[in-house]
Every structure is written in structure tokens, then in C-alpha cells.
Amino acid sequence: MVERRSPKPQVVGSKPTAPVNKIKGDEMKKVIQFIKESHAELKKVIWPGREDVISSVKVVIVSTVIIAAILGLIDVLLLFGIRAIF
């Protein structure tokens, strides 16, 4: 009787003997150019002043407290309602 085997499927993955992809000089120039352009764009940004940041933080804190109070009130009302039913 002859044993018949199917061929091995092609294994996909890293091979220890495979050459390492090195970054070519042209690719490195593109990365450096991108960093330079990003830095130039960040210089154009008009950053908010200290007063603007402080007022924005106050708005966020106050609105968070108000929403927390509303959700807490709804939670308490639902709790009383469910206890009244059961």
C-alpha cells in the first residue's frame, strides 16, 4: 500500500533566515521631512492663553457637577419608585 500525503501548506510567518527590511535612505528622508513640516505647522497654531484655559476648565467642572447631580437625583427617584413597586 502506498501512502499518499498532501503537500504541506505554505507556512506564512517570519523566517529566521529571512533578510531584515532596512529603512532606505529615501524613506528616512520622508520621515524627517514629515517631522519638519509638523513642527512648522505647530508654530502656526494660536495656542489659548492662561485665562481661556482656566475659564474652559471652570465650565467643564461646573457642567460635570450639574450632570452628576441630575443623574444622582434620577437614580434616587428610580430607587424610591422601584422600592415602592416591590
PDB file of N, CA and C in Angstrom:
ATOM      1  N   MET A   1       0.845  -1.168   0.000  1.00  0.00           N
ATOM      2  CA  MET A   1       0.000   0.000   0.000  1.00  0.00           C
ATOM      3  C   MET A   1       0.894   1.236   0.000  1.00  0.00           C
ATOM      4  N   VAL A   2       0.560   2.191  -0.842  1.00  0.00           N
ATOM      5  CA  VAL A   2       1.354   3.400  -0.992  1.00  0.00           C
ATOM      6  C   VAL A   2       0.710   4.500  -0.164  1.00  0.00           C
ATOM      7  N   GLU A   3       1.511   5.144   0.648  1.00  0.00           N
ATOM      8  CA  GLU A   3       0.992   6.236   1.465  1.00  0.00           C
ATOM      9  C   GLU A   3       1.000   7.517   0.643  1.00  0.00           C
ATOM     10  N   ARG A   4      -0.128   8.167   0.606  1.00  0.00           N
ATOM     11  CA  ARG A   4      -0.219   9.413  -0.147  1.00  0.00           C
ATOM     12  C   ARG A   4      -0.440  10.557   0.822  1.00  0.00           C
ATOM     13  N   ARG A   5       0.384  11.536   0.703  1.00  0.00           N
ATOM     14  CA  ARG A   5       0.264  12.709   1.570  1.00  0.00           C
ATOM     15  C   ARG A   5       0.006  13.930   0.717  1.00  0.00           C
ATOM     16  N   SER A   6      -0.767  14.809   1.301  1.00  0.00           N
ATOM     17  CA  SER A   6      -0.982  16.072   0.601  1.00  0.00           C
ATOM     18  C   SER A   6       0.244  16.951   0.821  1.00  0.00           C
ATOM     19  N   PRO A   7       0.526  17.813  -0.119  1.00  0.00           N
ATOM     20  CA  PRO A   7       1.688  18.685   0.066  1.00  0.00           C
ATOM     21  C   PRO A   7       1.475  19.629   1.255  1.00  0.00           C
ATOM     22  N   LYS A   8       2.575  19.991   1.877  1.00  0.00           N
ATOM     23  CA  LYS A   8       2.474  20.891   3.029  1.00  0.00           C
ATOM     24  C   LYS A   8       1.959  22.248   2.578  1.00  0.00           C
ATOM     25  N   PRO A   9       1.052  22.817   3.365  1.00  0.00           N
ATOM     26  CA  PRO A   9       0.609  24.169   3.015  1.00  0.00           C
ATOM     27  C   PRO A   9       1.753  25.156   3.216  1.00  0.00           C
ATOM     28  N   GLN A  10       1.722  26.194   2.443  1.00  0.00           N
ATOM     29  CA  GLN A  10       2.761  27.213   2.550  1.00  0.00           C
ATOM     30  C   GLN A  10       2.636  27.903   3.903  1.00  0.00           C
ATOM     31  N   VAL A  11       3.657  27.849   4.686  1.00  0.00           N
ATOM     32  CA  VAL A  11       3.652  28.460   6.008  1.00  0.00           C
ATOM     33  C   VAL A  11       3.951  29.939   5.849  1.00  0.00           C
ATOM     34  N   VAL A  12       3.065  30.754   6.448  1.00  0.00           N
ATOM     35  CA  VAL A  12       3.253  32.193   6.374  1.00  0.00           C
ATOM     36  C   VAL A  12       3.731  32.673   7.729  1.00  0.00           C
ATOM     37  N   GLY A  13       4.727  33.465   7.750  1.00  0.00           N
ATOM     38  CA  GLY A  13       5.243  33.983   9.009  1.00  0.00           C
ATOM     39  C   GLY A  13       6.690  34.383   8.851  1.00  0.00           C
ATOM     40  N   SER A  14       7.301  34.662   9.950  1.00  0.00           N
ATOM     41  CA  SER A  14       8.690  35.096   9.880  1.00  0.00           C
ATOM     42  C   SER A  14       9.599  33.887   9.784  1.00  0.00           C
ATOM     43  N   LYS A  15      10.641  34.074   9.059  1.00  0.00           N
ATOM     44  CA  LYS A  15      11.649  33.035   8.943  1.00  0.00           C
ATOM     45  C   LYS A  15      12.935  33.590   9.524  1.00  0.00           C
ATOM     46  N   PRO A  16      13.594  32.833  10.352  1.00  0.00           N
ATOM     47  CA  PRO A  16      14.819  33.351  10.965  1.00  0.00           C
ATOM     48  C   PRO A  16      15.903  33.696   9.951  1.00  0.00           C
ATOM     49  N   THR A  17      15.860  33.072   8.796  1.00  0.00           N
ATOM     50  CA  THR A  17      16.895  33.331   7.814  1.00  0.00           C
ATOM     51  C   THR A  17      16.500  34.409   6.818  1.00  0.00           C
ATOM     52  N   ALA A  18      15.287  34.952   6.953  1.00  0.00           N
ATOM     53  CA  ALA A  18      14.821  35.965   6.013  1.00  0.00           C
ATOM     54  C   ALA A  18      15.583  37.270   6.244  1.00  0.00           C
ATOM     55  N   PRO A  19      15.877  38.007   5.186  1.00  0.00           N
ATOM     56  CA  PRO A  19      16.589  39.271   5.361  1.00  0.00           C
ATOM     57  C   PRO A  19      15.699  40.306   6.057  1.00  0.00           C
ATOM     58  N   VAL A  20      16.310  41.138   6.848  1.00  0.00           N
ATOM     59  CA  VAL A  20      15.593  42.181   7.575  1.00  0.00           C
ATOM     60  C   VAL A  20      15.360  43.352   6.630  1.00  0.00           C
ATOM     61  N   ASN A  21      14.122  43.858   6.627  1.00  0.00           N
ATOM     62  CA  ASN A  21      13.830  45.034   5.809  1.00  0.00           C
ATOM     63  C   ASN A  21      14.470  46.252   6.458  1.00  0.00           C
ATOM     64  N   LYS A  22      15.384  46.849   5.758  1.00  0.00           N
ATOM     65  CA  LYS A  22      16.064  48.028   6.283  1.00  0.00           C
ATOM     66  C   LYS A  22      15.399  49.277   5.735  1.00  0.00           C
ATOM     67  N   ILE A  23      15.414  50.320   6.542  1.00  0.00           N
ATOM     68  CA  ILE A  23      14.854  51.591   6.091  1.00  0.00           C
ATOM     69  C   ILE A  23      15.814  52.192   5.084  1.00  0.00           C
ATOM     70  N   LYS A  24      15.295  52.464   3.929  1.00  0.00           N
ATOM     71  CA  LYS A  24      16.137  53.029   2.880  1.00  0.00           C
ATOM     72  C   LYS A  24      16.326  54.521   3.131  1.00  0.00           C
ATOM     73  N   GLY A  25      17.331  55.082   2.539  1.00  0.00           N
ATOM     74  CA  GLY A  25      17.631  56.493   2.725  1.00  0.00           C
ATOM     75  C   GLY A  25      16.494  57.392   2.295  1.00  0.00           C
ATOM     76  N   ASP A  26      15.795  57.025   1.212  1.00  0.00           N
ATOM     77  CA  ASP A  26      14.689  57.832   0.716  1.00  0.00           C
ATOM     78  C   ASP A  26      13.524  57.842   1.708  1.00  0.00           C
ATOM     79  N   GLU A  27      13.256  56.686   2.333  1.00  0.00           N
ATOM     80  CA  GLU A  27      12.176  56.608   3.321  1.00  0.00           C
ATOM     81  C   GLU A  27      12.518  57.436   4.556  1.00  0.00           C
ATOM     82  N   MET A  28      13.774  57.410   4.960  1.00  0.00           N
ATOM     83  CA  MET A  28      14.192  58.179   6.131  1.00  0.00           C
ATOM     84  C   MET A  28      14.076  59.670   5.858  1.00  0.00           C
ATOM     85  N   LYS A  29      14.375  60.085   4.631  1.00  0.00           N
ATOM     86  CA  LYS A  29      14.229  61.496   4.268  1.00  0.00           C
ATOM     87  C   LYS A  29      12.767  61.922   4.357  1.00  0.00           C
ATOM     88  N   LYS A  30      11.866  61.031   3.972  1.00  0.00           N
ATOM     89  CA  LYS A  30      10.437  61.348   4.054  1.00  0.00           C
ATOM     90  C   LYS A  30      10.003  61.513   5.503  1.00  0.00           C
ATOM     91  N   VAL A  31      10.504  60.662   6.381  1.00  0.00           N
ATOM     92  CA  VAL A  31      10.162  60.760   7.803  1.00  0.00           C
ATOM     93  C   VAL A  31      10.676  62.070   8.382  1.00  0.00           C
ATOM     94  N   ILE A  32      11.906  62.414   8.063  1.00  0.00           N
ATOM     95  CA  ILE A  32      12.497  63.664   8.560  1.00  0.00           C
ATOM     96  C   ILE A  32      11.729  64.862   8.019  1.00  0.00           C
ATOM     97  N   GLN A  33      11.360  64.818   6.741  1.00  0.00           N
ATOM     98  CA  GLN A  33      10.585  65.903   6.135  1.00  0.00           C
ATOM     99  C   GLN A  33       9.230  66.041   6.823  1.00  0.00           C
ATOM    100  N   PHE A  34       8.585  64.920   7.135  1.00  0.00           N
ATOM    101  CA  PHE A  34       7.297  64.959   7.830  1.00  0.00           C
ATOM    102  C   PHE A  34       7.424  65.619   9.198  1.00  0.00           C
ATOM    103  N   ILE A  35       8.467  65.272   9.928  1.00  0.00           N
ATOM    104  CA  ILE A  35       8.679  65.861  11.259  1.00  0.00           C
ATOM    105  C   ILE A  35       8.919  67.359  11.140  1.00  0.00           C
ATOM    106  N   LYS A  36       9.701  67.782  10.164  1.00  0.00           N
ATOM    107  CA  LYS A  36       9.967  69.215   9.973  1.00  0.00           C
ATOM    108  C   LYS A  36       8.686  69.961   9.625  1.00  0.00           C
ATOM    109  N   GLU A  37       7.866  69.382   8.735  1.00  0.00           N
ATOM    110  CA  GLU A  37       6.615  70.037   8.352  1.00  0.00           C
ATOM    111  C   GLU A  37       5.644  70.095   9.526  1.00  0.00           C
ATOM    112  N   SER A  38       5.594  69.036  10.327  1.00  0.00           N
ATOM    113  CA  SER A  38       4.725  69.032  11.504  1.00  0.00           C
ATOM    114  C   SER A  38       5.151  70.114  12.485  1.00  0.00           C
ATOM    115  N   HIS A  39       6.444  70.256  12.692  1.00  0.00           N
ATOM    116  CA  HIS A  39       6.956  71.276  13.599  1.00  0.00           C
ATOM    117  C   HIS A  39       6.604  72.672  13.090  1.00  0.00           C
ATOM    118  N   ALA A  40       6.710  72.879  11.773  1.00  0.00           N
ATOM    119  CA  ALA A  40       6.376  74.178  11.196  1.00  0.00           C
ATOM    120  C   ALA A  40       4.887  74.489  11.353  1.00  0.00           C
ATOM    121  N   GLU A  41       4.035  73.477  11.186  1.00  0.00           N
ATOM    122  CA  GLU A  41       2.595  73.684  11.360  1.00  0.00           C
ATOM    123  C   GLU A  41       2.248  74.000  12.810  1.00  0.00           C
ATOM    124  N   LEU A  42       2.942  73.345  13.753  1.00  0.00           N
ATOM    125  CA  LEU A  42       2.667  73.615  15.167  1.00  0.00           C
ATOM    126  C   LEU A  42       3.064  75.032  15.564  1.00  0.00           C
ATOM    127  N   LYS A  43       4.037  75.612  14.861  1.00  0.00           N
ATOM    128  CA  LYS A  43       4.416  77.000  15.132  1.00  0.00           C
ATOM    129  C   LYS A  43       3.310  77.969  14.710  1.00  0.00           C
ATOM    130  N   LYS A  44       2.493  77.575  13.727  1.00  0.00           N
ATOM    131  CA  LYS A  44       1.420  78.434  13.233  1.00  0.00           C
ATOM    132  C   LYS A  44       0.189  78.439  14.138  1.00  0.00           C
ATOM    133  N   VAL A  45       0.094  77.465  15.036  1.00  0.00           N
ATOM    134  CA  VAL A  45      -1.085  77.340  15.900  1.00  0.00           C
ATOM    135  C   VAL A  45      -1.127  78.487  16.891  1.00  0.00           C
ATOM    136  N   ILE A  46      -2.322  79.057  17.055  1.00  0.00           N
ATOM    137  CA  ILE A  46      -2.519  80.088  18.080  1.00  0.00           C
ATOM    138  C   ILE A  46      -3.024  79.376  19.326  1.00  0.00           C
ATOM    139  N   TRP A  47      -2.137  79.214  20.295  1.00  0.00           N
ATOM    140  CA  TRP A  47      -2.480  78.478  21.493  1.00  0.00           C
ATOM    141  C   TRP A  47      -3.304  79.368  22.426  1.00  0.00           C
ATOM    142  N   PRO A  48      -4.267  78.792  23.160  1.00  0.00           N
ATOM    143  CA  PRO A  48      -5.088  79.601  24.075  1.00  0.00           C
ATOM    144  C   PRO A  48      -4.261  80.119  25.240  1.00  0.00           C
ATOM    145  N   GLY A  49      -4.671  81.291  25.725  1.00  0.00           N
ATOM    146  CA  GLY A  49      -3.977  81.884  26.863  1.00  0.00           C
ATOM    147  C   GLY A  49      -4.399  81.229  28.165  1.00  0.00           C
ATOM    148  N   ARG A  50      -3.723  81.614  29.222  1.00  0.00           N
ATOM    149  CA  ARG A  50      -3.993  81.032  30.547  1.00  0.00           C
ATOM    150  C   ARG A  50      -5.433  81.284  30.971  1.00  0.00           C
ATOM    151  N   GLU A  51      -5.938  82.485  30.734  1.00  0.00           N
ATOM    152  CA  GLU A  51      -7.304  82.826  31.141  1.00  0.00           C
ATOM    153  C   GLU A  51      -8.330  81.981  30.381  1.00  0.00           C
ATOM    154  N   ASP A  52      -8.093  81.763  29.089  1.00  0.00           N
ATOM    155  CA  ASP A  52      -9.002  80.942  28.295  1.00  0.00           C
ATOM    156  C   ASP A  52      -9.049  79.507  28.812  1.00  0.00           C
ATOM    157  N   VAL A  53      -7.898  78.972  29.147  1.00  0.00           N
ATOM    158  CA  VAL A  53      -7.837  77.600  29.643  1.00  0.00           C
ATOM    159  C   VAL A  53      -8.544  77.488  30.987  1.00  0.00           C
ATOM    160  N   ILE A  54      -8.303  78.464  31.872  1.00  0.00           N
ATOM    161  CA  ILE A  54      -8.925  78.431  33.194  1.00  0.00           C
ATOM    162  C   ILE A  54     -10.441  78.535  33.073  1.00  0.00           C
ATOM    163  N   SER A  55     -10.935  79.421  32.204  1.00  0.00           N
ATOM    164  CA  SER A  55     -12.383  79.545  32.054  1.00  0.00           C
ATOM    165  C   SER A  55     -12.990  78.281  31.450  1.00  0.00           C
ATOM    166  N   SER A  56     -12.292  77.651  30.529  1.00  0.00           N
ATOM    167  CA  SER A  56     -12.789  76.399  29.948  1.00  0.00           C
ATOM    168  C   SER A  56     -12.834  75.286  30.993  1.00  0.00           C
ATOM    169  N   VAL A  57     -11.817  75.219  31.839  1.00  0.00           N
ATOM    170  CA  VAL A  57     -11.792  74.209  32.896  1.00  0.00           C
ATOM    171  C   VAL A  57     -12.939  74.436  33.867  1.00  0.00           C
ATOM    172  N   LYS A  58     -13.221  75.706  34.195  1.00  0.00           N
ATOM    173  CA  LYS A  58     -14.348  76.011  35.096  1.00  0.00           C
ATOM    174  C   LYS A  58     -15.664  75.544  34.489  1.00  0.00           C
ATOM    175  N   VAL A  59     -15.860  75.795  33.196  1.00  0.00           N
ATOM    176  CA  VAL A  59     -17.085  75.364  32.528  1.00  0.00           C
ATOM    177  C   VAL A  59     -17.222  73.848  32.583  1.00  0.00           C
ATOM    178  N   VAL A  60     -16.137  73.134  32.334  1.00  0.00           N
ATOM    179  CA  VAL A  60     -16.174  71.672  32.353  1.00  0.00           C
ATOM    180  C   VAL A  60     -16.494  71.155  33.751  1.00  0.00           C
ATOM    181  N   ILE A  61     -15.874  71.724  34.769  1.00  0.00           N
ATOM    182  CA  ILE A  61     -16.106  71.265  36.148  1.00  0.00           C
ATOM    183  C   ILE A  61     -17.540  71.534  36.567  1.00  0.00           C
ATOM    184  N   VAL A  62     -18.043  72.748  36.300  1.00  0.00           N
ATOM    185  CA  VAL A  62     -19.415  73.089  36.686  1.00  0.00           C
ATOM    186  C   VAL A  62     -20.420  72.210  35.949  1.00  0.00           C
ATOM    187  N   SER A  63     -20.238  72.019  34.654  1.00  0.00           N
ATOM    188  CA  SER A  63     -21.182  71.186  33.906  1.00  0.00           C
ATOM    189  C   SER A  63     -21.122  69.733  34.367  1.00  0.00           C
ATOM    190  N   THR A  64     -19.944  69.244  34.732  1.00  0.00           N
ATOM    191  CA  THR A  64     -19.819  67.877  35.246  1.00  0.00           C
ATOM    192  C   THR A  64     -20.555  67.722  36.564  1.00  0.00           C
ATOM    193  N   VAL A  65     -20.424  68.694  37.442  1.00  0.00           N
ATOM    194  CA  VAL A  65     -21.119  68.637  38.735  1.00  0.00           C
ATOM    195  C   VAL A  65     -22.630  68.684  38.524  1.00  0.00           C
ATOM    196  N   ILE A  66     -23.092  69.540  37.629  1.00  0.00           N
ATOM    197  CA  ILE A  66     -24.537  69.644  37.375  1.00  0.00           C
ATOM    198  C   ILE A  66     -25.077  68.336  36.808  1.00  0.00           C
ATOM    199  N   ILE A  67     -24.408  67.759  35.827  1.00  0.00           N
ATOM    200  CA  ILE A  67     -24.851  66.493  35.235  1.00  0.00           C
ATOM    201  C   ILE A  67     -24.815  65.377  36.276  1.00  0.00           C
ATOM    202  N   ALA A  68     -23.797  65.352  37.133  1.00  0.00           N
ATOM    203  CA  ALA A  68     -23.711  64.336  38.185  1.00  0.00           C
ATOM    204  C   ALA A  68     -24.872  64.476  39.156  1.00  0.00           C
ATOM    205  N   ALA A  69     -25.220  65.720  39.511  1.00  0.00           N
ATOM    206  CA  ALA A  69     -26.345  65.941  40.427  1.00  0.00           C
ATOM    207  C   ALA A  69     -27.654  65.485  39.787  1.00  0.00           C
ATOM    208  N   ILE A  70     -27.847  65.793  38.517  1.00  0.00           N
ATOM    209  CA  ILE A  70     -29.079  65.380  37.826  1.00  0.00           C
ATOM    210  C   ILE A  70     -29.169  63.857  37.765  1.00  0.00           C
ATOM    211  N   LEU A  71     -28.078  63.201  37.394  1.00  0.00           N
ATOM    212  CA  LEU A  71     -28.081  61.739  37.331  1.00  0.00           C
ATOM    213  C   LEU A  71     -28.283  61.113  38.711  1.00  0.00           C
ATOM    214  N   GLY A  72     -27.699  61.711  39.741  1.00  0.00           N
ATOM    215  CA  GLY A  72     -27.906  61.219  41.106  1.00  0.00           C
ATOM    216  C   GLY A  72     -29.350  61.351  41.533  1.00  0.00           C
ATOM    217  N   LEU A  73     -29.986  62.480  41.190  1.00  0.00           N
ATOM    218  CA  LEU A  73     -31.396  62.687  41.518  1.00  0.00           C
ATOM    219  C   LEU A  73     -32.278  61.664  40.797  1.00  0.00           C
ATOM    220  N   ILE A  74     -32.000  61.438  39.519  1.00  0.00           N
ATOM    221  CA  ILE A  74     -32.762  60.436  38.758  1.00  0.00           C
ATOM    222  C   ILE A  74     -32.575  59.053  39.376  1.00  0.00           C
ATOM    223  N   ASP A  75     -31.361  58.733  39.792  1.00  0.00           N
ATOM    224  CA  ASP A  75     -31.083  57.442  40.414  1.00  0.00           C
ATOM    225  C   ASP A  75     -31.878  57.264  41.699  1.00  0.00           C
ATOM    226  N   VAL A  76     -31.891  58.293  42.546  1.00  0.00           N
ATOM    227  CA  VAL A  76     -32.630  58.215  43.809  1.00  0.00           C
ATOM    228  C   VAL A  76     -34.125  58.070  43.545  1.00  0.00           C
ATOM    229  N   LEU A  77     -34.656  58.839  42.586  1.00  0.00           N
ATOM    230  CA  LEU A  77     -36.083  58.748  42.272  1.00  0.00           C
ATOM    231  C   LEU A  77     -36.444  57.360  41.742  1.00  0.00           C
ATOM    232  N   LEU A  78     -35.610  56.811  40.883  1.00  0.00           N
ATOM    233  CA  LEU A  78     -35.876  55.459  40.380  1.00  0.00           C
ATOM    234  C   LEU A  78     -35.781  54.428  41.497  1.00  0.00           C
ATOM    235  N   LEU A  79     -34.841  54.603  42.415  1.00  0.00           N
ATOM    236  CA  LEU A  79     -34.697  53.691  43.536  1.00  0.00           C
ATOM    237  C   LEU A  79     -35.956  53.702  44.399  1.00  0.00           C
ATOM    238  N   PHE A  80     -36.453  54.903  44.738  1.00  0.00           N
ATOM    239  CA  PHE A  80     -37.683  55.004  45.525  1.00  0.00           C
ATOM    240  C   PHE A  80     -38.865  54.414  44.763  1.00  0.00           C
ATOM    241  N   GLY A  81     -38.911  54.651  43.457  1.00  0.00           N
ATOM    242  CA  GLY A  81     -40.009  54.112  42.650  1.00  0.00           C
ATOM    243  C   GLY A  81     -39.993  52.592  42.612  1.00  0.00           C
ATOM    244  N   ILE A  82     -38.835  52.005  42.450  1.00  0.00           N
ATOM    245  CA  ILE A  82     -38.733  50.541  42.392  1.00  0.00           C
ATOM    246  C   ILE A  82     -39.030  49.924  43.755  1.00  0.00           C
ATOM    247  N   ARG A  83     -38.575  50.564  44.829  1.00  0.00           N
ATOM    248  CA  ARG A  83     -38.884  50.055  46.164  1.00  0.00           C
ATOM    249  C   ARG A  83     -40.377  50.160  46.452  1.00  0.00           C
ATOM    250  N   ALA A  84     -41.034  51.201  45.939  1.00  0.00           N
ATOM    251  CA  ALA A  84     -42.473  51.344  46.165  1.00  0.00           C
ATOM    252  C   ALA A  84     -43.244  50.253  45.423  1.00  0.00           C
ATOM    253  N   ILE A  85     -42.762  49.883  44.268  1.00  0.00           N
ATOM    254  CA  ILE A  85     -43.458  48.849  43.478  1.00  0.00           C
ATOM    255  C   ILE A  85     -43.233  47.473  44.083  1.00  0.00           C
ATOM    256  N   PHE A  86     -42.030  47.151  44.493  1.00  0.00           N
ATOM    257  CA  PHE A  86     -41.747  45.818  45.011  1.00  0.00           C
ATOM    258  C   PHE A  86     -41.691  45.871  46.514  1.00  0.00           C
TER     259      PHE A  86
END
